Amino acid sequence: MLNLAGDVRDRRILDAGCGSGPLAAALGERGAAVTGFDSSEAMVDLARQRLGTGAELVVADLGQPLPFAGDTFDDVVASLVFHYLEDWVGPLTEIRRVLRPGGRLIMSVNHPILFPWTNPGRDYFKPTKYSDEHTFNGQPATLTYWHRPLHAMTDAFARAGFQIEVVSEPPYLTDAPPEIVPPQFKDRESFLSFIFFVLRAK
């Protein structure tokens, strides 16, 4: 996400679905003026602990009208957010509204090939709600996503008024810290996990 954002000095950036704030913090360290929001009040509280007064943070839902004026931000970043949403066009249109003309949306989502790979026999072309079981700090958790094929993603971008500038499928970095690499991937040199887009507001 940071490589795709490039030089962000003096740019006003909205972190959509900021979570506990790691991306907002990194953008702020690179000279951006960052505003963040998340639908989880607990996550916004964690982000406030991380960022202090370094960013404006609010509780807001990407599925609802955003509490920001139109043409406010130079960029919006949305890291691993949209795959939780059934509808993309409404949220994308709202993001387009708060972007300045020619602004960018930089986003990452689960790669669309993951669902048929991990669910053999399921229809790649059918938008589908599905769940994965995970363990975080020893606590079990269920994450629920929406699979959509690549053409459904790009159709939503076009309908909301965005033009695709970059599509990126970065490989697994062999020097990634071992504690963040899932056990099933430790002996592999590459794997697909996420897909990244840079979109320009038309």
N, C-alpha and C. Protein backbone atom coordinates (compact mmCIF):
# COMPACT_ATOMS: atom_id res chain seq x y z
N MET A 1 0.83 -1.20 0.00
CA MET A 1 0.00 0.00 0.00
C MET A 1 0.87 1.25 0.00
N LEU A 2 1.93 1.25 0.79
CA LEU A 2 2.80 2.42 0.86
C LEU A 2 3.55 2.64 -0.44
N ASN A 3 4.02 1.55 -1.05
CA ASN A 3 4.70 1.69 -2.33
C ASN A 3 3.77 2.27 -3.39
N LEU A 4 2.53 1.82 -3.41
CA LEU A 4 1.58 2.33 -4.39
C LEU A 4 1.22 3.79 -4.12
N ALA A 5 1.18 4.17 -2.84
CA ALA A 5 0.86 5.56 -2.50
C ALA A 5 1.96 6.51 -2.93
N GLY A 6 3.22 6.05 -2.88
CA GLY A 6 4.34 6.89 -3.30
C GLY A 6 4.59 8.05 -2.34
N ASP A 7 4.97 9.18 -2.90
CA ASP A 7 5.28 10.37 -2.11
C ASP A 7 3.96 11.01 -1.65
N VAL A 8 3.72 10.99 -0.36
CA VAL A 8 2.45 11.51 0.17
C VAL A 8 2.64 12.78 0.98
N ARG A 9 3.79 13.37 0.91
CA ARG A 9 4.03 14.60 1.68
C ARG A 9 3.01 15.67 1.34
N ASP A 10 2.41 16.22 2.40
CA ASP A 10 1.43 17.31 2.29
C ASP A 10 0.13 16.91 1.58
N ARG A 11 -0.09 15.62 1.40
CA ARG A 11 -1.35 15.16 0.82
C ARG A 11 -2.33 14.86 1.95
N ARG A 12 -3.59 15.17 1.72
CA ARG A 12 -4.63 14.88 2.71
C ARG A 12 -5.23 13.52 2.36
N ILE A 13 -5.10 12.56 3.28
CA ILE A 13 -5.45 11.18 2.99
C ILE A 13 -6.49 10.68 3.99
N LEU A 14 -7.49 9.99 3.47
CA LEU A 14 -8.50 9.34 4.30
C LEU A 14 -8.21 7.85 4.34
N ASP A 15 -8.06 7.31 5.55
CA ASP A 15 -7.87 5.87 5.74
C ASP A 15 -9.23 5.26 6.06
N ALA A 16 -9.83 4.60 5.06
CA ALA A 16 -11.17 4.02 5.20
C ALA A 16 -11.05 2.62 5.80
N GLY A 17 -11.68 2.42 6.95
CA GLY A 17 -11.53 1.16 7.66
C GLY A 17 -10.14 1.06 8.27
N CYS A 18 -9.78 2.07 9.04
CA CYS A 18 -8.39 2.22 9.51
C CYS A 18 -7.97 1.18 10.53
N GLY A 19 -8.94 0.46 11.13
CA GLY A 19 -8.57 -0.51 12.16
C GLY A 19 -7.83 0.16 13.30
N SER A 20 -6.76 -0.47 13.76
CA SER A 20 -5.99 0.09 14.87
C SER A 20 -4.97 1.13 14.44
N GLY A 21 -4.94 1.46 13.15
CA GLY A 21 -4.17 2.62 12.69
C GLY A 21 -2.77 2.41 12.17
N PRO A 22 -2.31 1.20 11.84
CA PRO A 22 -0.91 1.07 11.39
C PRO A 22 -0.64 1.77 10.06
N LEU A 23 -1.56 1.69 9.11
CA LEU A 23 -1.34 2.35 7.82
C LEU A 23 -1.42 3.86 7.98
N ALA A 24 -2.37 4.34 8.76
CA ALA A 24 -2.47 5.77 9.02
C ALA A 24 -1.19 6.30 9.65
N ALA A 25 -0.63 5.54 10.58
CA ALA A 25 0.62 5.96 11.23
C ALA A 25 1.76 6.05 10.23
N ALA A 26 1.86 5.04 9.35
CA ALA A 26 2.95 5.03 8.37
C ALA A 26 2.80 6.19 7.38
N LEU A 27 1.58 6.48 6.98
CA LEU A 27 1.36 7.60 6.06
C LEU A 27 1.68 8.93 6.74
N GLY A 28 1.30 9.05 8.01
CA GLY A 28 1.62 10.26 8.76
C GLY A 28 3.11 10.45 8.90
N GLU A 29 3.85 9.37 9.13
CA GLU A 29 5.31 9.45 9.23
C GLU A 29 5.94 9.91 7.93
N ARG A 30 5.24 9.68 6.81
CA ARG A 30 5.75 10.09 5.50
C ARG A 30 5.26 11.47 5.09
N GLY A 31 4.62 12.19 6.01
CA GLY A 31 4.29 13.58 5.78
C GLY A 31 2.87 13.86 5.34
N ALA A 32 1.99 12.85 5.35
CA ALA A 32 0.60 13.07 4.97
C ALA A 32 -0.20 13.59 6.15
N ALA A 33 -1.26 14.33 5.85
CA ALA A 33 -2.25 14.72 6.86
C ALA A 33 -3.37 13.68 6.79
N VAL A 34 -3.48 12.85 7.83
CA VAL A 34 -4.32 11.66 7.77
C VAL A 34 -5.57 11.81 8.61
N THR A 35 -6.70 11.41 8.02
CA THR A 35 -7.96 11.23 8.72
C THR A 35 -8.33 9.77 8.58
N GLY A 36 -8.82 9.15 9.67
CA GLY A 36 -9.19 7.75 9.60
C GLY A 36 -10.56 7.49 10.18
N PHE A 37 -11.21 6.44 9.68
CA PHE A 37 -12.46 6.03 10.31
C PHE A 37 -12.57 4.52 10.26
N ASP A 38 -13.35 4.01 11.19
CA ASP A 38 -13.65 2.58 11.24
C ASP A 38 -15.04 2.43 11.84
N SER A 39 -15.73 1.34 11.48
CA SER A 39 -17.06 1.12 12.03
C SER A 39 -17.01 0.60 13.46
N SER A 40 -15.83 0.15 13.90
CA SER A 40 -15.65 -0.38 15.25
C SER A 40 -15.11 0.69 16.17
N GLU A 41 -15.88 1.03 17.19
CA GLU A 41 -15.41 2.03 18.16
C GLU A 41 -14.17 1.54 18.89
N ALA A 42 -14.09 0.22 19.15
CA ALA A 42 -12.92 -0.34 19.82
C ALA A 42 -11.67 -0.16 18.97
N MET A 43 -11.79 -0.36 17.65
CA MET A 43 -10.64 -0.16 16.78
C MET A 43 -10.22 1.29 16.72
N VAL A 44 -11.19 2.20 16.68
CA VAL A 44 -10.86 3.62 16.67
C VAL A 44 -10.15 4.00 17.96
N ASP A 45 -10.57 3.44 19.09
CA ASP A 45 -9.88 3.70 20.36
C ASP A 45 -8.43 3.23 20.29
N LEU A 46 -8.19 2.04 19.71
CA LEU A 46 -6.82 1.54 19.56
C LEU A 46 -6.02 2.46 18.64
N ALA A 47 -6.65 2.94 17.57
CA ALA A 47 -5.95 3.85 16.67
C ALA A 47 -5.59 5.15 17.38
N ARG A 48 -6.48 5.64 18.24
CA ARG A 48 -6.17 6.87 18.99
C ARG A 48 -4.97 6.65 19.91
N GLN A 49 -4.88 5.46 20.52
CA GLN A 49 -3.73 5.15 21.36
C GLN A 49 -2.44 5.13 20.54
N ARG A 50 -2.53 4.63 19.32
CA ARG A 50 -1.34 4.55 18.46
C ARG A 50 -0.93 5.91 17.91
N LEU A 51 -1.93 6.71 17.51
CA LEU A 51 -1.66 7.93 16.76
C LEU A 51 -1.68 9.20 17.60
N GLY A 52 -2.28 9.14 18.78
CA GLY A 52 -2.38 10.33 19.60
C GLY A 52 -3.11 11.43 18.86
N THR A 53 -2.51 12.61 18.81
CA THR A 53 -3.12 13.74 18.10
C THR A 53 -2.64 13.82 16.66
N GLY A 54 -1.98 12.77 16.19
CA GLY A 54 -1.40 12.81 14.85
C GLY A 54 -2.39 12.61 13.72
N ALA A 55 -3.64 12.29 14.05
CA ALA A 55 -4.64 12.08 13.00
C ALA A 55 -6.02 12.33 13.57
N GLU A 56 -6.93 12.78 12.71
CA GLU A 56 -8.34 12.89 13.07
C GLU A 56 -8.97 11.52 12.89
N LEU A 57 -9.64 11.02 13.91
CA LEU A 57 -10.23 9.67 13.87
C LEU A 57 -11.69 9.73 14.28
N VAL A 58 -12.54 9.04 13.51
CA VAL A 58 -13.96 9.03 13.82
C VAL A 58 -14.52 7.63 13.60
N VAL A 59 -15.65 7.36 14.26
CA VAL A 59 -16.39 6.12 14.03
C VAL A 59 -17.38 6.38 12.90
N ALA A 60 -17.29 5.61 11.84
CA ALA A 60 -18.19 5.76 10.69
C ALA A 60 -18.24 4.44 9.95
N ASP A 61 -19.32 4.25 9.21
CA ASP A 61 -19.58 2.99 8.50
C ASP A 61 -19.47 3.25 7.01
N LEU A 62 -18.62 2.48 6.33
CA LEU A 62 -18.43 2.65 4.89
C LEU A 62 -19.70 2.37 4.10
N GLY A 63 -20.63 1.66 4.70
CA GLY A 63 -21.90 1.39 4.04
C GLY A 63 -22.92 2.51 4.17
N GLN A 64 -22.55 3.60 4.85
CA GLN A 64 -23.44 4.74 5.08
C GLN A 64 -22.77 6.01 4.55
N PRO A 65 -23.54 7.10 4.39
CA PRO A 65 -22.91 8.37 4.00
C PRO A 65 -21.80 8.76 4.98
N LEU A 66 -20.67 9.19 4.45
CA LEU A 66 -19.52 9.51 5.28
C LEU A 66 -19.63 10.94 5.81
N PRO A 67 -19.10 11.18 7.03
CA PRO A 67 -19.23 12.50 7.65
C PRO A 67 -18.16 13.48 7.20
N PHE A 68 -17.92 13.56 5.89
CA PHE A 68 -16.91 14.44 5.35
C PHE A 68 -17.50 15.19 4.16
N ALA A 69 -17.03 16.41 3.99
CA ALA A 69 -17.49 17.22 2.86
C ALA A 69 -16.95 16.67 1.56
N GLY A 70 -17.63 16.98 0.46
CA GLY A 70 -17.16 16.56 -0.85
C GLY A 70 -15.85 17.23 -1.22
N ASP A 71 -15.08 16.57 -2.09
CA ASP A 71 -13.82 17.13 -2.62
C ASP A 71 -12.85 17.49 -1.50
N THR A 72 -12.75 16.62 -0.49
CA THR A 72 -11.93 16.93 0.68
C THR A 72 -10.54 16.32 0.62
N PHE A 73 -10.41 15.12 0.08
CA PHE A 73 -9.17 14.35 0.21
C PHE A 73 -8.45 14.19 -1.12
N ASP A 74 -7.11 14.19 -1.04
CA ASP A 74 -6.30 13.91 -2.22
C ASP A 74 -6.28 12.42 -2.55
N ASP A 75 -6.27 11.60 -1.51
CA ASP A 75 -6.24 10.15 -1.67
C ASP A 75 -7.13 9.51 -0.61
N VAL A 76 -7.64 8.33 -0.94
CA VAL A 76 -8.27 7.46 0.05
C VAL A 76 -7.56 6.12 -0.02
N VAL A 77 -7.23 5.57 1.14
CA VAL A 77 -6.67 4.22 1.19
C VAL A 77 -7.69 3.32 1.88
N ALA A 78 -7.82 2.12 1.37
CA ALA A 78 -8.75 1.13 1.95
C ALA A 78 -8.05 -0.22 1.91
N SER A 79 -7.42 -0.57 3.01
CA SER A 79 -6.62 -1.79 3.07
C SER A 79 -7.44 -2.93 3.66
N LEU A 80 -7.73 -3.94 2.83
CA LEU A 80 -8.42 -5.16 3.27
C LEU A 80 -9.75 -4.83 3.94
N VAL A 81 -10.54 -4.01 3.26
CA VAL A 81 -11.83 -3.56 3.77
C VAL A 81 -12.99 -4.04 2.89
N PHE A 82 -12.85 -3.85 1.59
CA PHE A 82 -14.00 -4.04 0.70
C PHE A 82 -14.47 -5.49 0.61
N HIS A 83 -13.59 -6.44 0.87
CA HIS A 83 -14.05 -7.84 0.76
C HIS A 83 -15.02 -8.23 1.88
N TYR A 84 -15.24 -7.34 2.85
CA TYR A 84 -16.27 -7.59 3.87
C TYR A 84 -17.64 -7.06 3.44
N LEU A 85 -17.71 -6.37 2.30
CA LEU A 85 -18.93 -5.68 1.89
C LEU A 85 -19.63 -6.43 0.76
N GLU A 86 -20.95 -6.56 0.86
CA GLU A 86 -21.72 -7.14 -0.23
C GLU A 86 -21.84 -6.17 -1.39
N ASP A 87 -22.14 -4.91 -1.09
CA ASP A 87 -22.28 -3.88 -2.12
C ASP A 87 -21.01 -3.06 -2.20
N TRP A 88 -20.48 -2.88 -3.40
CA TRP A 88 -19.31 -2.04 -3.59
C TRP A 88 -19.67 -0.69 -4.19
N VAL A 89 -20.70 -0.63 -5.02
CA VAL A 89 -20.95 0.59 -5.77
C VAL A 89 -21.30 1.76 -4.84
N GLY A 90 -22.15 1.52 -3.85
CA GLY A 90 -22.51 2.59 -2.92
C GLY A 90 -21.30 3.15 -2.18
N PRO A 91 -20.51 2.30 -1.51
CA PRO A 91 -19.32 2.82 -0.82
C PRO A 91 -18.31 3.47 -1.76
N LEU A 92 -18.11 2.90 -2.94
CA LEU A 92 -17.18 3.50 -3.89
C LEU A 92 -17.66 4.87 -4.34
N THR A 93 -18.95 5.00 -4.55
CA THR A 93 -19.51 6.29 -4.96
C THR A 93 -19.33 7.33 -3.86
N GLU A 94 -19.49 6.91 -2.62
CA GLU A 94 -19.30 7.83 -1.50
C GLU A 94 -17.83 8.24 -1.38
N ILE A 95 -16.92 7.29 -1.59
CA ILE A 95 -15.50 7.63 -1.59
C ILE A 95 -15.18 8.59 -2.73
N ARG A 96 -15.77 8.35 -3.89
CA ARG A 96 -15.58 9.26 -5.02
C ARG A 96 -16.05 10.67 -4.66
N ARG A 97 -17.13 10.78 -3.91
CA ARG A 97 -17.66 12.09 -3.52
C ARG A 97 -16.67 12.87 -2.67
N VAL A 98 -16.00 12.21 -1.72
CA VAL A 98 -15.12 12.94 -0.79
C VAL A 98 -13.73 13.16 -1.37
N LEU A 99 -13.43 12.53 -2.53
CA LEU A 99 -12.15 12.77 -3.19
C LEU A 99 -12.19 14.04 -4.02
N ARG A 100 -11.08 14.73 -4.05
CA ARG A 100 -10.95 15.86 -4.96
C ARG A 100 -10.89 15.35 -6.40
N PRO A 101 -11.26 16.17 -7.38
CA PRO A 101 -11.18 15.74 -8.77
C PRO A 101 -9.77 15.23 -9.11
N GLY A 102 -9.70 14.04 -9.69
CA GLY A 102 -8.41 13.45 -10.01
C GLY A 102 -7.75 12.73 -8.85
N GLY A 103 -8.43 12.67 -7.69
CA GLY A 103 -7.86 11.98 -6.55
C GLY A 103 -7.79 10.48 -6.76
N ARG A 104 -7.05 9.82 -5.86
CA ARG A 104 -6.82 8.38 -6.00
C ARG A 104 -7.48 7.60 -4.87
N LEU A 105 -7.96 6.41 -5.21
CA LEU A 105 -8.32 5.40 -4.23
C LEU A 105 -7.32 4.27 -4.38
N ILE A 106 -6.62 3.96 -3.30
CA ILE A 106 -5.63 2.87 -3.27
C ILE A 106 -6.19 1.81 -2.35
N MET A 107 -6.44 0.62 -2.89
CA MET A 107 -7.14 -0.38 -2.10
C MET A 107 -6.54 -1.77 -2.30
N SER A 108 -6.75 -2.62 -1.30
CA SER A 108 -6.37 -4.02 -1.39
C SER A 108 -7.53 -4.86 -0.87
N VAL A 109 -7.70 -6.03 -1.49
CA VAL A 109 -8.74 -6.98 -1.09
C VAL A 109 -8.20 -8.39 -1.29
N ASN A 110 -8.93 -9.36 -0.71
CA ASN A 110 -8.59 -10.75 -0.99
C ASN A 110 -8.60 -10.99 -2.50
N HIS A 111 -7.60 -11.70 -2.97
CA HIS A 111 -7.54 -12.02 -4.39
C HIS A 111 -8.73 -12.90 -4.76
N PRO A 112 -9.41 -12.61 -5.88
CA PRO A 112 -10.62 -13.38 -6.19
C PRO A 112 -10.38 -14.86 -6.46
N ILE A 113 -9.14 -15.25 -6.73
CA ILE A 113 -8.87 -16.68 -6.97
C ILE A 113 -8.87 -17.48 -5.67
N LEU A 114 -8.77 -16.80 -4.52
CA LEU A 114 -8.66 -17.52 -3.25
C LEU A 114 -9.89 -18.37 -2.95
N PHE A 115 -11.07 -17.83 -3.21
CA PHE A 115 -12.30 -18.54 -2.86
C PHE A 115 -12.41 -19.88 -3.59
N PRO A 116 -12.27 -19.93 -4.93
CA PRO A 116 -12.35 -21.24 -5.57
C PRO A 116 -11.18 -22.15 -5.23
N TRP A 117 -10.00 -21.58 -4.93
CA TRP A 117 -8.87 -22.42 -4.53
C TRP A 117 -9.14 -23.11 -3.20
N THR A 118 -9.67 -22.37 -2.26
CA THR A 118 -9.88 -22.92 -0.92
C THR A 118 -11.23 -23.60 -0.76
N ASN A 119 -12.09 -23.46 -1.77
CA ASN A 119 -13.40 -24.10 -1.76
C ASN A 119 -13.62 -24.80 -3.10
N PRO A 120 -12.92 -25.91 -3.34
CA PRO A 120 -13.00 -26.58 -4.65
C PRO A 120 -14.44 -26.90 -5.02
N GLY A 121 -14.73 -26.66 -6.30
CA GLY A 121 -16.07 -26.94 -6.80
C GLY A 121 -17.03 -25.77 -6.72
N ARG A 122 -16.67 -24.70 -5.98
CA ARG A 122 -17.55 -23.54 -5.89
C ARG A 122 -17.40 -22.67 -7.13
N ASP A 123 -18.45 -21.95 -7.45
CA ASP A 123 -18.53 -21.17 -8.68
C ASP A 123 -17.77 -19.86 -8.53
N TYR A 124 -16.67 -19.72 -9.29
CA TYR A 124 -15.88 -18.48 -9.25
C TYR A 124 -16.72 -17.27 -9.65
N PHE A 125 -17.65 -17.46 -10.58
CA PHE A 125 -18.36 -16.32 -11.17
C PHE A 125 -19.53 -15.84 -10.33
N LYS A 126 -19.89 -16.55 -9.29
CA LYS A 126 -21.06 -16.19 -8.48
C LYS A 126 -20.62 -15.45 -7.21
N PRO A 127 -21.05 -14.20 -7.01
CA PRO A 127 -20.75 -13.53 -5.74
C PRO A 127 -21.29 -14.37 -4.58
N THR A 128 -20.42 -14.62 -3.60
CA THR A 128 -20.74 -15.59 -2.56
C THR A 128 -20.23 -15.11 -1.21
N LYS A 129 -21.07 -15.24 -0.20
CA LYS A 129 -20.68 -14.96 1.17
C LYS A 129 -20.06 -16.21 1.78
N TYR A 130 -18.90 -16.08 2.42
CA TYR A 130 -18.25 -17.24 3.02
C TYR A 130 -17.46 -16.82 4.25
N SER A 131 -17.11 -17.78 5.07
CA SER A 131 -16.42 -17.50 6.34
C SER A 131 -15.17 -18.36 6.47
N ASP A 132 -14.17 -17.82 7.15
CA ASP A 132 -12.95 -18.54 7.50
C ASP A 132 -12.75 -18.49 9.00
N GLU A 133 -12.22 -19.57 9.55
CA GLU A 133 -11.89 -19.63 10.97
C GLU A 133 -10.42 -19.28 11.16
N HIS A 134 -10.14 -18.42 12.14
CA HIS A 134 -8.78 -17.99 12.42
C HIS A 134 -8.55 -18.01 13.93
N THR A 135 -7.28 -17.90 14.32
CA THR A 135 -6.91 -17.75 15.72
C THR A 135 -6.02 -16.52 15.85
N PHE A 136 -6.41 -15.60 16.70
CA PHE A 136 -5.65 -14.39 16.94
C PHE A 136 -5.28 -14.34 18.41
N ASN A 137 -3.97 -14.35 18.68
CA ASN A 137 -3.49 -14.33 20.07
C ASN A 137 -4.17 -15.41 20.91
N GLY A 138 -4.32 -16.59 20.29
CA GLY A 138 -4.90 -17.71 21.01
C GLY A 138 -6.41 -17.72 21.09
N GLN A 139 -7.06 -16.70 20.51
CA GLN A 139 -8.52 -16.61 20.57
C GLN A 139 -9.11 -16.96 19.20
N PRO A 140 -10.09 -17.88 19.17
CA PRO A 140 -10.72 -18.22 17.90
C PRO A 140 -11.58 -17.08 17.40
N ALA A 141 -11.64 -16.95 16.08
CA ALA A 141 -12.45 -15.88 15.47
C ALA A 141 -12.93 -16.34 14.11
N THR A 142 -14.10 -15.88 13.73
CA THR A 142 -14.66 -16.15 12.41
C THR A 142 -14.72 -14.86 11.63
N LEU A 143 -14.10 -14.86 10.45
CA LEU A 143 -14.15 -13.70 9.55
C LEU A 143 -15.03 -14.06 8.36
N THR A 144 -15.96 -13.19 8.03
CA THR A 144 -16.90 -13.43 6.96
C THR A 144 -16.67 -12.42 5.83
N TYR A 145 -16.54 -12.94 4.62
CA TYR A 145 -16.19 -12.14 3.45
C TYR A 145 -17.24 -12.30 2.36
N TRP A 146 -17.11 -11.45 1.34
CA TRP A 146 -17.86 -11.61 0.11
C TRP A 146 -16.87 -11.85 -1.03
N HIS A 147 -16.96 -13.02 -1.65
CA HIS A 147 -16.20 -13.28 -2.87
C HIS A 147 -16.93 -12.64 -4.05
N ARG A 148 -16.16 -12.00 -4.92
CA ARG A 148 -16.71 -11.53 -6.20
C ARG A 148 -15.63 -11.71 -7.24
N PRO A 149 -16.02 -12.10 -8.46
CA PRO A 149 -15.02 -12.27 -9.52
C PRO A 149 -14.41 -10.94 -9.92
N LEU A 150 -13.27 -11.01 -10.59
CA LEU A 150 -12.54 -9.81 -10.94
C LEU A 150 -13.39 -8.86 -11.78
N HIS A 151 -14.16 -9.38 -12.73
CA HIS A 151 -14.94 -8.48 -13.58
C HIS A 151 -16.01 -7.74 -12.78
N ALA A 152 -16.52 -8.34 -11.69
CA ALA A 152 -17.48 -7.64 -10.84
C ALA A 152 -16.81 -6.48 -10.10
N MET A 153 -15.56 -6.68 -9.72
CA MET A 153 -14.80 -5.60 -9.08
C MET A 153 -14.63 -4.43 -10.05
N THR A 154 -14.16 -4.73 -11.26
CA THR A 154 -13.89 -3.65 -12.21
C THR A 154 -15.18 -2.98 -12.68
N ASP A 155 -16.25 -3.74 -12.78
CA ASP A 155 -17.55 -3.12 -13.12
C ASP A 155 -17.96 -2.11 -12.05
N ALA A 156 -17.76 -2.48 -10.78
CA ALA A 156 -18.12 -1.57 -9.69
C ALA A 156 -17.27 -0.30 -9.73
N PHE A 157 -15.97 -0.44 -10.03
CA PHE A 157 -15.11 0.73 -10.14
C PHE A 157 -15.65 1.69 -11.21
N ALA A 158 -15.99 1.15 -12.37
CA ALA A 158 -16.47 1.99 -13.47
C ALA A 158 -17.79 2.66 -13.12
N ARG A 159 -18.71 1.91 -12.52
CA ARG A 159 -20.02 2.47 -12.18
C ARG A 159 -19.90 3.61 -11.17
N ALA A 160 -18.88 3.56 -10.30
CA ALA A 160 -18.71 4.60 -9.28
C ALA A 160 -17.89 5.78 -9.78
N GLY A 161 -17.39 5.72 -11.01
CA GLY A 161 -16.66 6.85 -11.56
C GLY A 161 -15.16 6.80 -11.39
N PHE A 162 -14.60 5.59 -11.35
CA PHE A 162 -13.16 5.43 -11.21
C PHE A 162 -12.56 4.79 -12.46
N GLN A 163 -11.32 5.15 -12.72
CA GLN A 163 -10.54 4.54 -13.79
C GLN A 163 -9.37 3.80 -13.16
N ILE A 164 -9.11 2.59 -13.61
CA ILE A 164 -8.01 1.78 -13.06
C ILE A 164 -6.69 2.28 -13.62
N GLU A 165 -5.74 2.57 -12.72
CA GLU A 165 -4.39 2.95 -13.14
C GLU A 165 -3.39 1.83 -12.92
N VAL A 166 -3.56 1.09 -11.81
CA VAL A 166 -2.61 0.03 -11.48
C VAL A 166 -3.39 -1.17 -10.93
N VAL A 167 -3.00 -2.36 -11.38
CA VAL A 167 -3.41 -3.61 -10.75
C VAL A 167 -2.13 -4.31 -10.33
N SER A 168 -2.01 -4.67 -9.05
CA SER A 168 -0.78 -5.25 -8.53
C SER A 168 -1.07 -6.55 -7.79
N GLU A 169 -0.27 -7.57 -8.08
CA GLU A 169 -0.35 -8.86 -7.39
C GLU A 169 1.03 -9.18 -6.83
N PRO A 170 1.42 -8.50 -5.75
CA PRO A 170 2.80 -8.64 -5.26
C PRO A 170 3.07 -10.05 -4.75
N PRO A 171 4.27 -10.58 -5.04
CA PRO A 171 4.62 -11.92 -4.54
C PRO A 171 4.95 -11.88 -3.06
N TYR A 172 4.94 -13.05 -2.48
CA TYR A 172 5.36 -13.22 -1.08
C TYR A 172 6.82 -12.83 -0.94
N LEU A 173 7.13 -12.03 0.04
CA LEU A 173 8.52 -11.63 0.28
C LEU A 173 9.21 -12.68 1.15
N THR A 174 10.31 -13.22 0.65
CA THR A 174 11.00 -14.28 1.40
C THR A 174 11.64 -13.75 2.68
N ASP A 175 11.83 -12.42 2.78
CA ASP A 175 12.41 -11.87 4.01
C ASP A 175 11.33 -11.36 4.96
N ALA A 176 10.07 -11.74 4.73
CA ALA A 176 9.01 -11.36 5.66
C ALA A 176 9.29 -11.95 7.04
N PRO A 177 8.98 -11.22 8.12
CA PRO A 177 9.21 -11.75 9.47
C PRO A 177 8.51 -13.09 9.64
N PRO A 178 9.22 -14.11 10.11
CA PRO A 178 8.64 -15.47 10.16
C PRO A 178 7.38 -15.55 11.02
N GLU A 179 7.24 -14.67 12.02
CA GLU A 179 6.08 -14.78 12.90
C GLU A 179 4.78 -14.35 12.22
N ILE A 180 4.86 -13.66 11.08
CA ILE A 180 3.63 -13.24 10.41
C ILE A 180 3.27 -14.17 9.25
N VAL A 181 4.12 -15.15 8.95
CA VAL A 181 3.87 -16.05 7.82
C VAL A 181 3.06 -17.24 8.31
N PRO A 182 1.88 -17.49 7.73
CA PRO A 182 1.09 -18.66 8.13
C PRO A 182 1.89 -19.95 7.97
N PRO A 183 1.72 -20.90 8.87
CA PRO A 183 2.54 -22.13 8.84
C PRO A 183 2.50 -22.85 7.49
N GLN A 184 1.35 -22.86 6.82
CA GLN A 184 1.25 -23.60 5.56
C GLN A 184 2.03 -22.95 4.43
N PHE A 185 2.53 -21.72 4.64
CA PHE A 185 3.27 -21.04 3.59
C PHE A 185 4.77 -20.95 3.86
N LYS A 186 5.24 -21.49 4.97
CA LYS A 186 6.62 -21.26 5.38
C LYS A 186 7.65 -21.83 4.40
N ASP A 187 7.30 -22.89 3.67
CA ASP A 187 8.25 -23.50 2.74
C ASP A 187 8.04 -23.07 1.29
N ARG A 188 7.16 -22.10 1.07
CA ARG A 188 6.87 -21.66 -0.29
C ARG A 188 7.59 -20.35 -0.60
N GLU A 189 7.96 -20.19 -1.86
CA GLU A 189 8.61 -18.96 -2.28
C GLU A 189 7.63 -17.91 -2.78
N SER A 190 6.41 -18.33 -3.11
CA SER A 190 5.42 -17.37 -3.56
C SER A 190 4.03 -17.94 -3.35
N PHE A 191 3.06 -17.05 -3.19
CA PHE A 191 1.66 -17.44 -3.13
C PHE A 191 0.82 -16.19 -3.35
N LEU A 192 -0.38 -16.39 -3.89
CA LEU A 192 -1.32 -15.29 -4.05
C LEU A 192 -2.16 -15.14 -2.80
N SER A 193 -2.32 -13.92 -2.36
CA SER A 193 -3.19 -13.67 -1.21
C SER A 193 -4.08 -12.46 -1.47
N PHE A 194 -3.48 -11.33 -1.85
CA PHE A 194 -4.23 -10.10 -2.03
C PHE A 194 -4.01 -9.53 -3.43
N ILE A 195 -4.95 -8.71 -3.84
CA ILE A 195 -4.81 -7.95 -5.07
C ILE A 195 -4.97 -6.47 -4.73
N PHE A 196 -4.17 -5.63 -5.38
CA PHE A 196 -4.13 -4.21 -5.08
C PHE A 196 -4.53 -3.41 -6.31
N PHE A 197 -5.21 -2.30 -6.09
CA PHE A 197 -5.64 -1.41 -7.17
C PHE A 197 -5.28 0.02 -6.83
N VAL A 198 -4.89 0.78 -7.84
CA VAL A 198 -4.87 2.24 -7.75
C VAL A 198 -5.89 2.74 -8.75
N LEU A 199 -6.89 3.47 -8.23
CA LEU A 199 -7.99 3.98 -9.05
C LEU A 199 -7.94 5.50 -9.05
N ARG A 200 -8.27 6.09 -10.19
CA ARG A 200 -8.29 7.54 -10.31
C ARG A 200 -9.73 8.00 -10.47
N ALA A 201 -10.12 9.00 -9.67
CA ALA A 201 -11.47 9.56 -9.77
C ALA A 201 -11.60 10.33 -11.07
N LYS A 202 -12.55 9.95 -11.90
CA LYS A 202 -12.74 10.62 -13.20
C LYS A 202 -13.50 11.93 -13.03
